[in-house]
Amino acid sequence: MKVWLLGIPYDASSSYLRGAAEAPARIRQALVCASSNLSAEDGTDLGADGRWGDAGDAALSNDRSGYWAVEPACAAILTGEHRLLALGGDHAITYPVVRAHAACHPRLAVLHIDAHPDLYDAFDGDRYSHGSPFARICEERLAARMVQVGIRAATPEQRAQAQRFGVETIEMRQLPLSGSLKFSDPIYLSIDLDGLDPAFAPGVSHPEPGGLGVRDLLGLIQTVEGRVIGADIVELNPARDPQGITAMVAAKIVKELIARMLRDGG
């Protein structure tokens, strides 16, 4: 089993600011920055472990035609026992990435970390907006279970959508949890960096105060009960991250996700 990073430099479905397409390169720079190292907190030395690699960026144009190229780019990696960690890009990419995973895992649980539910039927008339990926995932029944954590900016429409689709919503005002989350189905973990409080991750297009701390998110990655088989990290906007703080946070999350997937992969 091997975990592959795949950059998806796509932000054509962003509703407010563009810039997330530049994120994969910035996350890679932070990952190898000499200010830190490649050791995960469980002791996994990613600098010496040959069970992960970087597949580079998906070859796609940053427009709607490129959007439809995301799923086949992911499917090309998900062969045999390979695992995928996608580096977005805006959150629109999660729908095609999950489609590729669902083809390999007929029963899939999606654990979604975000300030926003991203459940609009359409945002500004766009059904494939970064505000709508989880509506598409639910409509196609790509996830047997969906849990959203960190929500603190849900509109009435999105609350109604969550009820319609049976989404389990854990809002920030309900945290901390009394116990760890448990899943019986393979887990796909989608992390929007604006799920974190902007004090920790300012370099996003839609900062929403009152969010998770980095330690909260790392703890969730490390302790969620189940088997993590895939993940994405989205919505870093380098144009709003001049000091690289959010890129370093993203790189930290990358290390912990790779270590977790390696552990769960056997």
C-alpha atoms as a PDB file:
ATOM      1  CA  MET A   1       0.000   0.000   0.000  1.00  0.00           C
ATOM      2  CA  LYS A   2       1.255   3.469  -0.894  1.00  0.00           C
ATOM      3  CA  VAL A   3      -0.138   6.944  -0.227  1.00  0.00           C
ATOM      4  CA  TRP A   4       0.146   9.433  -3.076  1.00  0.00           C
ATOM      5  CA  LEU A   5      -0.149  13.198  -2.950  1.00  0.00           C
ATOM      6  CA  LEU A   6      -1.918  14.689  -5.959  1.00  0.00           C
ATOM      7  CA  GLY A   7      -2.189  18.437  -6.484  1.00  0.00           C
ATOM      8  CA  ILE A   8      -5.425  19.668  -8.027  1.00  0.00           C
ATOM      9  CA  PRO A   9      -4.740  23.291  -9.036  1.00  0.00           C
ATOM     10  CA  TYR A  10      -8.361  24.270  -9.614  1.00  0.00           C
ATOM     11  CA  ASP A  11     -10.299  27.264  -8.263  1.00  0.00           C
ATOM     12  CA  ALA A  12     -12.668  28.121 -11.129  1.00  0.00           C
ATOM     13  CA  SER A  13     -15.650  27.233  -8.920  1.00  0.00           C
ATOM     14  CA  SER A  14     -14.755  29.737  -6.190  1.00  0.00           C
ATOM     15  CA  SER A  15     -17.475  32.246  -5.398  1.00  0.00           C
ATOM     16  CA  TYR A  16     -15.618  35.137  -3.765  1.00  0.00           C
ATOM     17  CA  LEU A  17     -11.863  35.094  -4.379  1.00  0.00           C
ATOM     18  CA  ARG A  18      -9.651  33.082  -6.687  1.00  0.00           C
ATOM     19  CA  GLY A  19      -6.211  31.895  -5.593  1.00  0.00           C
ATOM     20  CA  ALA A  20      -6.684  28.380  -4.222  1.00  0.00           C
ATOM     21  CA  ALA A  21      -5.274  26.927  -7.450  1.00  0.00           C
ATOM     22  CA  GLU A  22      -1.859  28.084  -6.265  1.00  0.00           C
ATOM     23  CA  ALA A  23      -2.111  26.128  -3.034  1.00  0.00           C
ATOM     24  CA  PRO A  24      -0.611  22.725  -3.991  1.00  0.00           C
ATOM     25  CA  ALA A  25       2.766  24.296  -4.756  1.00  0.00           C
ATOM     26  CA  ARG A  26       2.736  26.297  -1.508  1.00  0.00           C
ATOM     27  CA  ILE A  27       1.843  23.254   0.589  1.00  0.00           C
ATOM     28  CA  ARG A  28       4.704  21.287  -0.961  1.00  0.00           C
ATOM     29  CA  GLN A  29       7.126  24.143  -0.221  1.00  0.00           C
ATOM     30  CA  ALA A  30       6.010  24.173   3.406  1.00  0.00           C
ATOM     31  CA  LEU A  31       6.233  20.390   3.644  1.00  0.00           C
ATOM     32  CA  VAL A  32       9.952  20.388   2.840  1.00  0.00           C
ATOM     33  CA  CYS A  33      10.792  23.697   4.553  1.00  0.00           C
ATOM     34  CA  ALA A  34      13.952  23.431   6.654  1.00  0.00           C
ATOM     35  CA  SER A  35      12.147  25.096   9.553  1.00  0.00           C
ATOM     36  CA  SER A  36      10.501  21.746  10.316  1.00  0.00           C
ATOM     37  CA  ASN A  37      11.002  18.068   9.437  1.00  0.00           C
ATOM     38  CA  LEU A  38       9.092  15.147   7.960  1.00  0.00           C
ATOM     39  CA  SER A  39       8.325  13.309  11.182  1.00  0.00           C
ATOM     40  CA  ALA A  40       4.685  12.818  12.156  1.00  0.00           C
ATOM     41  CA  GLU A  41       3.646  12.910  15.778  1.00  0.00           C
ATOM     42  CA  ASP A  42       3.278   9.116  16.026  1.00  0.00           C
ATOM     43  CA  GLY A  43       6.956   8.727  15.126  1.00  0.00           C
ATOM     44  CA  THR A  44       6.484   7.954  11.436  1.00  0.00           C
ATOM     45  CA  ASP A  45       9.505   9.369   9.610  1.00  0.00           C
ATOM     46  CA  LEU A  46       8.126  10.407   6.236  1.00  0.00           C
ATOM     47  CA  GLY A  47      11.621  11.401   5.196  1.00  0.00           C
ATOM     48  CA  ALA A  48      12.651   7.747   5.298  1.00  0.00           C
ATOM     49  CA  ASP A  49       9.366   5.944   4.670  1.00  0.00           C
ATOM     50  CA  GLY A  50       9.059   4.819   1.052  1.00  0.00           C
ATOM     51  CA  ARG A  51       5.346   4.072   1.371  1.00  0.00           C
ATOM     52  CA  TRP A  52       4.274   7.507   0.156  1.00  0.00           C
ATOM     53  CA  GLY A  53       5.098   9.667  -2.835  1.00  0.00           C
ATOM     54  CA  ASP A  54       4.168  12.800  -4.738  1.00  0.00           C
ATOM     55  CA  ALA A  55       2.356  12.294  -8.041  1.00  0.00           C
ATOM     56  CA  GLY A  56       2.681  15.994  -8.930  1.00  0.00           C
ATOM     57  CA  ASP A  57      -0.274  18.044 -10.125  1.00  0.00           C
ATOM     58  CA  ALA A  58      -3.151  16.710 -12.176  1.00  0.00           C
ATOM     59  CA  ALA A  59      -2.877  17.901 -15.776  1.00  0.00           C
ATOM     60  CA  LEU A  60      -5.988  20.031 -16.096  1.00  0.00           C
ATOM     61  CA  SER A  61      -7.057  23.497 -17.130  1.00  0.00           C
ATOM     62  CA  ASN A  62      -8.427  25.832 -14.488  1.00  0.00           C
ATOM     63  CA  ASP A  63     -11.920  25.987 -15.962  1.00  0.00           C
ATOM     64  CA  ARG A  64     -15.011  23.804 -16.109  1.00  0.00           C
ATOM     65  CA  SER A  65     -13.439  21.418 -18.620  1.00  0.00           C
ATOM     66  CA  GLY A  66     -10.588  20.943 -16.160  1.00  0.00           C
ATOM     67  CA  TYR A  67     -13.084  20.226 -13.410  1.00  0.00           C
ATOM     68  CA  TRP A  68     -14.310  17.139 -15.230  1.00  0.00           C
ATOM     69  CA  ALA A  69     -10.717  15.933 -15.542  1.00  0.00           C
ATOM     70  CA  VAL A  70     -10.326  15.641 -11.746  1.00  0.00           C
ATOM     71  CA  GLU A  71     -12.119  12.314 -11.337  1.00  0.00           C
ATOM     72  CA  PRO A  72     -10.138  10.375 -13.992  1.00  0.00           C
ATOM     73  CA  ALA A  73      -6.875  11.850 -12.655  1.00  0.00           C
ATOM     74  CA  CYS A  74      -7.717  10.463  -9.220  1.00  0.00           C
ATOM     75  CA  ALA A  75      -8.980   7.147 -10.569  1.00  0.00           C
ATOM     76  CA  ALA A  76      -5.647   6.618 -12.333  1.00  0.00           C
ATOM     77  CA  ILE A  77      -3.931   6.622  -8.923  1.00  0.00           C
ATOM     78  CA  LEU A  78      -6.522   4.589  -7.033  1.00  0.00           C
ATOM     79  CA  THR A  79      -5.464   1.205  -8.353  1.00  0.00           C
ATOM     80  CA  GLY A  80      -4.511  -1.793  -6.283  1.00  0.00           C
ATOM     81  CA  GLU A  81      -3.842  -0.755  -2.692  1.00  0.00           C
ATOM     82  CA  HIS A  82      -2.869   2.844  -3.440  1.00  0.00           C
ATOM     83  CA  ARG A  83      -4.310   5.677  -1.362  1.00  0.00           C
ATOM     84  CA  LEU A  84      -4.777   9.327  -2.334  1.00  0.00           C
ATOM     85  CA  LEU A  85      -4.368  12.624  -0.495  1.00  0.00           C
ATOM     86  CA  ALA A  86      -5.586  15.418  -2.774  1.00  0.00           C
ATOM     87  CA  LEU A  87      -4.231  18.952  -2.368  1.00  0.00           C
ATOM     88  CA  GLY A  88      -6.731  21.530  -3.622  1.00  0.00           C
ATOM     89  CA  GLY A  89      -7.818  23.800  -4.987  1.00  0.00           C
ATOM     90  CA  ASP A  90     -11.224  24.968  -3.892  1.00  0.00           C
ATOM     91  CA  HIS A  91     -13.762  22.691  -2.252  1.00  0.00           C
ATOM     92  CA  ALA A  92     -15.527  21.928  -5.514  1.00  0.00           C
ATOM     93  CA  ILE A  93     -12.863  19.286  -6.178  1.00  0.00           C
ATOM     94  CA  THR A  94     -14.167  17.069  -3.377  1.00  0.00           C
ATOM     95  CA  TYR A  95     -17.149  15.862  -5.395  1.00  0.00           C
ATOM     96  CA  PRO A  96     -15.111  14.355  -8.270  1.00  0.00           C
ATOM     97  CA  VAL A  97     -12.433  13.088  -5.867  1.00  0.00           C
ATOM     98  CA  VAL A  98     -15.080  11.311  -3.775  1.00  0.00           C
ATOM     99  CA  ARG A  99     -16.621   9.871  -6.946  1.00  0.00           C
ATOM    100  CA  ALA A 100     -13.274   8.257  -7.727  1.00  0.00           C
ATOM    101  CA  HIS A 101     -13.040   6.834  -4.201  1.00  0.00           C
ATOM    102  CA  ALA A 102     -16.636   5.587  -4.186  1.00  0.00           C
ATOM    103  CA  ALA A 103     -15.846   3.448  -7.239  1.00  0.00           C
ATOM    104  CA  CYS A 104     -13.300   1.596  -5.062  1.00  0.00           C
ATOM    105  CA  HIS A 105     -15.298   1.670  -1.815  1.00  0.00           C
ATOM    106  CA  PRO A 106     -19.036   1.063  -2.380  1.00  0.00           C
ATOM    107  CA  ARG A 107     -19.772   1.945   1.266  1.00  0.00           C
ATOM    108  CA  LEU A 108     -17.923   5.105   2.162  1.00  0.00           C
ATOM    109  CA  ALA A 109     -18.200   7.421   5.153  1.00  0.00           C
ATOM    110  CA  VAL A 110     -17.357  11.082   4.577  1.00  0.00           C
ATOM    111  CA  LEU A 111     -16.019  13.120   7.493  1.00  0.00           C
ATOM    112  CA  HIS A 112     -16.070  16.796   6.535  1.00  0.00           C
ATOM    113  CA  ILE A 113     -14.305  19.549   8.513  1.00  0.00           C
ATOM    114  CA  ASP A 114     -15.488  23.043   7.593  1.00  0.00           C
ATOM    115  CA  ALA A 115     -17.007  26.300   8.780  1.00  0.00           C
ATOM    116  CA  HIS A 116     -19.668  25.874   6.081  1.00  0.00           C
ATOM    117  CA  PRO A 117     -21.824  22.846   5.152  1.00  0.00           C
ATOM    118  CA  ASP A 118     -21.292  23.356   1.381  1.00  0.00           C
ATOM    119  CA  LEU A 119     -24.716  21.825   0.803  1.00  0.00           C
ATOM    120  CA  TYR A 120     -26.275  24.445  -1.467  1.00  0.00           C
ATOM    121  CA  ASP A 121     -28.277  22.914  -4.274  1.00  0.00           C
ATOM    122  CA  ALA A 122     -26.645  25.615  -6.391  1.00  0.00           C
ATOM    123  CA  PHE A 123     -24.637  28.684  -5.407  1.00  0.00           C
ATOM    124  CA  ASP A 124     -24.982  31.693  -7.699  1.00  0.00           C
ATOM    125  CA  GLY A 125     -26.675  29.332 -10.133  1.00  0.00           C
ATOM    126  CA  ASP A 126     -23.729  26.909 -10.197  1.00  0.00           C
ATOM    127  CA  ARG A 127     -24.512  23.332  -9.113  1.00  0.00           C
ATOM    128  CA  TYR A 128     -20.775  22.559  -9.122  1.00  0.00           C
ATOM    129  CA  SER A 129     -19.729  25.534  -6.998  1.00  0.00           C
ATOM    130  CA  HIS A 130     -17.380  25.094  -4.054  1.00  0.00           C
ATOM    131  CA  GLY A 131     -20.512  25.733  -2.007  1.00  0.00           C
ATOM    132  CA  SER A 132     -22.267  22.644  -3.364  1.00  0.00           C
ATOM    133  CA  PRO A 133     -19.991  19.536  -3.449  1.00  0.00           C
ATOM    134  CA  PHE A 134     -21.695  17.726  -0.592  1.00  0.00           C
ATOM    135  CA  ALA A 135     -25.136  18.207  -2.114  1.00  0.00           C
ATOM    136  CA  ARG A 136     -23.893  16.375  -5.211  1.00  0.00           C
ATOM    137  CA  ILE A 137     -22.261  13.658  -3.082  1.00  0.00           C
ATOM    138  CA  CYS A 138     -25.500  13.136  -1.155  1.00  0.00           C
ATOM    139  CA  GLU A 139     -27.702  13.173  -4.259  1.00  0.00           C
ATOM    140  CA  GLU A 140     -25.642  10.410  -5.842  1.00  0.00           C
ATOM    141  CA  ARG A 141     -25.482   8.458  -2.572  1.00  0.00           C
ATOM    142  CA  LEU A 142     -21.719   8.301  -2.804  1.00  0.00           C
ATOM    143  CA  ALA A 143     -21.508   8.289   0.994  1.00  0.00           C
ATOM    144  CA  ALA A 144     -23.297   5.810   3.227  1.00  0.00           C
ATOM    145  CA  ARG A 145     -22.777   8.270   6.077  1.00  0.00           C
ATOM    146  CA  MET A 146     -21.783  11.927   6.186  1.00  0.00           C
ATOM    147  CA  VAL A 147     -20.611  13.756   9.295  1.00  0.00           C
ATOM    148  CA  GLN A 148     -19.747  17.467   9.255  1.00  0.00           C
ATOM    149  CA  VAL A 149     -17.678  18.972  12.091  1.00  0.00           C
ATOM    150  CA  GLY A 150     -16.935  22.609  12.897  1.00  0.00           C
ATOM    151  CA  ILE A 151     -19.959  24.135  11.175  1.00  0.00           C
ATOM    152  CA  ARG A 152     -20.698  27.686  12.279  1.00  0.00           C
ATOM    153  CA  ALA A 153     -22.078  29.468   9.214  1.00  0.00           C
ATOM    154  CA  ALA A 154     -24.999  27.320   8.064  1.00  0.00           C
ATOM    155  CA  THR A 155     -27.779  29.139   6.222  1.00  0.00           C
ATOM    156  CA  PRO A 156     -31.438  28.059   6.495  1.00  0.00           C
ATOM    157  CA  GLU A 157     -31.189  26.467   3.036  1.00  0.00           C
ATOM    158  CA  GLN A 158     -28.177  24.422   4.041  1.00  0.00           C
ATOM    159  CA  ARG A 159     -29.802  23.356   7.320  1.00  0.00           C
ATOM    160  CA  ALA A 160     -32.784  22.118   5.336  1.00  0.00           C
ATOM    161  CA  GLN A 161     -30.465  20.274   2.957  1.00  0.00           C
ATOM    162  CA  ALA A 162     -28.669  18.612   5.877  1.00  0.00           C
ATOM    163  CA  GLN A 163     -32.006  17.399   7.231  1.00  0.00           C
ATOM    164  CA  ARG A 164     -33.119  16.236   3.786  1.00  0.00           C
ATOM    165  CA  PHE A 165     -29.985  14.168   3.227  1.00  0.00           C
ATOM    166  CA  GLY A 166     -29.588  12.897   6.787  1.00  0.00           C
ATOM    167  CA  VAL A 167     -26.267  14.652   7.330  1.00  0.00           C
ATOM    168  CA  GLU A 168     -24.932  14.451  10.894  1.00  0.00           C
ATOM    169  CA  THR A 169     -23.923  18.005  11.773  1.00  0.00           C
ATOM    170  CA  ILE A 170     -21.639  18.750  14.712  1.00  0.00           C
ATOM    171  CA  GLU A 171     -21.570  22.513  15.022  1.00  0.00           C
ATOM    172  CA  MET A 172     -18.818  24.430  16.803  1.00  0.00           C
ATOM    173  CA  ARG A 173     -21.264  25.381  19.574  1.00  0.00           C
ATOM    174  CA  GLN A 174     -21.687  21.648  20.303  1.00  0.00           C
ATOM    175  CA  LEU A 175     -17.975  21.017  20.830  1.00  0.00           C
ATOM    176  CA  PRO A 176     -16.007  19.555  22.487  1.00  0.00           C
ATOM    177  CA  LEU A 177     -17.306  16.041  21.873  1.00  0.00           C
ATOM    178  CA  SER A 178     -17.774  13.759  24.858  1.00  0.00           C
ATOM    179  CA  GLY A 179     -16.030  10.910  22.993  1.00  0.00           C
ATOM    180  CA  SER A 180     -14.283  10.077  19.747  1.00  0.00           C
ATOM    181  CA  LEU A 181     -16.118   9.730  16.456  1.00  0.00           C
ATOM    182  CA  LYS A 182     -16.630   6.125  15.342  1.00  0.00           C
ATOM    183  CA  PHE A 183     -17.147   4.784  11.829  1.00  0.00           C
ATOM    184  CA  SER A 184     -17.745   1.262  10.586  1.00  0.00           C
ATOM    185  CA  ASP A 185     -17.299   2.145   6.897  1.00  0.00           C
ATOM    186  CA  PRO A 186     -14.016   3.326   5.289  1.00  0.00           C
ATOM    187  CA  ILE A 187     -13.511   7.037   5.980  1.00  0.00           C
ATOM    188  CA  TYR A 188     -12.851   9.761   3.428  1.00  0.00           C
ATOM    189  CA  LEU A 189     -11.715  12.909   5.255  1.00  0.00           C
ATOM    190  CA  SER A 190     -12.282  16.312   3.617  1.00  0.00           C
ATOM    191  CA  ILE A 191     -10.607  19.249   5.345  1.00  0.00           C
ATOM    192  CA  ASP A 192     -11.480  22.817   4.430  1.00  0.00           C
ATOM    193  CA  LEU A 193      -8.876  25.000   6.120  1.00  0.00           C
ATOM    194  CA  ASP A 194     -11.520  27.573   7.016  1.00  0.00           C
ATOM    195  CA  GLY A 195     -12.825  24.972   9.452  1.00  0.00           C
ATOM    196  CA  LEU A 196      -9.939  26.184  11.584  1.00  0.00           C
ATOM    197  CA  ASP A 197     -10.201  29.458  13.440  1.00  0.00           C
ATOM    198  CA  PRO A 198      -8.610  32.229  11.345  1.00  0.00           C
ATOM    199  CA  ALA A 199      -6.254  32.905  14.259  1.00  0.00           C
ATOM    200  CA  PHE A 200      -4.539  29.645  13.245  1.00  0.00           C
ATOM    201  CA  ALA A 201      -5.260  29.626   9.497  1.00  0.00           C
ATOM    202  CA  PRO A 202      -5.736  33.166   8.170  1.00  0.00           C
ATOM    203  CA  GLY A 203      -4.858  32.324   4.572  1.00  0.00           C
ATOM    204  CA  VAL A 204      -8.313  31.346   3.340  1.00  0.00           C
ATOM    205  CA  SER A 205     -10.868  33.130   1.198  1.00  0.00           C
ATOM    206  CA  HIS A 206     -13.761  32.758   3.631  1.00  0.00           C
ATOM    207  CA  PRO A 207     -12.424  33.177   7.206  1.00  0.00           C
ATOM    208  CA  GLU A 208     -15.054  32.496   9.846  1.00  0.00           C
ATOM    209  CA  PRO A 209     -14.147  33.312  13.478  1.00  0.00           C
ATOM    210  CA  GLY A 210     -14.838  30.858  16.266  1.00  0.00           C
ATOM    211  CA  GLY A 211     -13.426  27.726  14.666  1.00  0.00           C
ATOM    212  CA  LEU A 212     -11.343  24.706  15.557  1.00  0.00           C
ATOM    213  CA  GLY A 213      -7.816  24.979  16.839  1.00  0.00           C
ATOM    214  CA  VAL A 214      -5.024  23.143  15.047  1.00  0.00           C
ATOM    215  CA  ARG A 215      -4.673  20.827  18.052  1.00  0.00           C
ATOM    216  CA  ASP A 216      -8.392  19.987  17.847  1.00  0.00           C
ATOM    217  CA  LEU A 217      -8.078  18.995  14.203  1.00  0.00           C
ATOM    218  CA  LEU A 218      -4.898  16.968  14.689  1.00  0.00           C
ATOM    219  CA  GLY A 219      -6.537  15.158  17.588  1.00  0.00           C
ATOM    220  CA  LEU A 220      -9.506  14.271  15.419  1.00  0.00           C
ATOM    221  CA  ILE A 221      -7.258  12.927  12.644  1.00  0.00           C
ATOM    222  CA  GLN A 222      -5.306  10.859  15.152  1.00  0.00           C
ATOM    223  CA  THR A 223      -8.219   9.471  17.183  1.00  0.00           C
ATOM    224  CA  VAL A 224     -11.213   9.010  14.880  1.00  0.00           C
ATOM    225  CA  GLU A 225     -12.213   5.353  15.090  1.00  0.00           C
ATOM    226  CA  GLY A 226     -12.268   3.668  11.696  1.00  0.00           C
ATOM    227  CA  ARG A 227     -10.082   3.238   8.646  1.00  0.00           C
ATOM    228  CA  VAL A 228      -9.047   6.412   6.794  1.00  0.00           C
ATOM    229  CA  ILE A 229      -8.623   5.514   3.122  1.00  0.00           C
ATOM    230  CA  GLY A 230      -8.495   8.931   1.450  1.00  0.00           C
ATOM    231  CA  ALA A 231      -8.529  12.651   2.112  1.00  0.00           C
ATOM    232  CA  ASP A 232      -8.307  16.151   0.708  1.00  0.00           C
ATOM    233  CA  ILE A 233      -7.101  19.502   2.016  1.00  0.00           C
ATOM    234  CA  VAL A 234      -8.708  22.488   0.315  1.00  0.00           C
ATOM    235  CA  GLU A 235      -9.215  26.254   0.267  1.00  0.00           C
ATOM    236  CA  LEU A 236      -5.743  27.521   1.138  1.00  0.00           C
ATOM    237  CA  ASN A 237      -5.425  30.862  -0.625  1.00  0.00           C
ATOM    238  CA  PRO A 238      -1.716  31.834  -0.806  1.00  0.00           C
ATOM    239  CA  ALA A 239      -2.652  35.392  -1.758  1.00  0.00           C
ATOM    240  CA  ARG A 240      -4.067  35.771   1.763  1.00  0.00           C
ATOM    241  CA  ASP A 241      -1.213  33.930   3.454  1.00  0.00           C
ATOM    242  CA  PRO A 242       1.828  36.203   2.943  1.00  0.00           C
ATOM    243  CA  GLN A 243       3.712  34.804   5.962  1.00  0.00           C
ATOM    244  CA  GLY A 244       3.005  31.195   4.984  1.00  0.00           C
ATOM    245  CA  ILE A 245       1.341  30.419   8.320  1.00  0.00           C
ATOM    246  CA  THR A 246      -1.610  28.590   6.797  1.00  0.00           C
ATOM    247  CA  ALA A 247       0.625  26.701   4.369  1.00  0.00           C
ATOM    248  CA  MET A 248       2.647  25.400   7.328  1.00  0.00           C
ATOM    249  CA  VAL A 249      -0.574  24.330   9.043  1.00  0.00           C
ATOM    250  CA  ALA A 250      -1.610  22.522   5.853  1.00  0.00           C
ATOM    251  CA  ALA A 251       1.781  20.787   5.665  1.00  0.00           C
ATOM    252  CA  LYS A 252       1.405  19.644   9.285  1.00  0.00           C
ATOM    253  CA  ILE A 253      -2.011  18.196   8.423  1.00  0.00           C
ATOM    254  CA  VAL A 254      -0.504  16.454   5.389  1.00  0.00           C
ATOM    255  CA  LYS A 255       2.074  14.702   7.588  1.00  0.00           C
ATOM    256  CA  GLU A 256      -0.529  13.540  10.073  1.00  0.00           C
ATOM    257  CA  LEU A 257      -2.906  12.344   7.339  1.00  0.00           C
ATOM    258  CA  ILE A 258      -0.189  10.354   5.571  1.00  0.00           C
ATOM    259  CA  ALA A 259       0.854   8.767   8.869  1.00  0.00           C
ATOM    260  CA  ARG A 260      -2.771   7.904   9.651  1.00  0.00           C
ATOM    261  CA  MET A 261      -3.427   6.374   6.226  1.00  0.00           C
ATOM    262  CA  LEU A 262      -0.222   4.349   6.438  1.00  0.00           C
ATOM    263  CA  ARG A 263      -1.254   3.087   9.845  1.00  0.00           C
ATOM    264  CA  ASP A 264      -4.757   2.174   8.661  1.00  0.00           C
ATOM    265  CA  GLY A 265      -3.489   0.599   5.453  1.00  0.00           C
ATOM    266  CA  GLY A 266      -1.451  -2.029   7.294  1.00  0.00           C
END
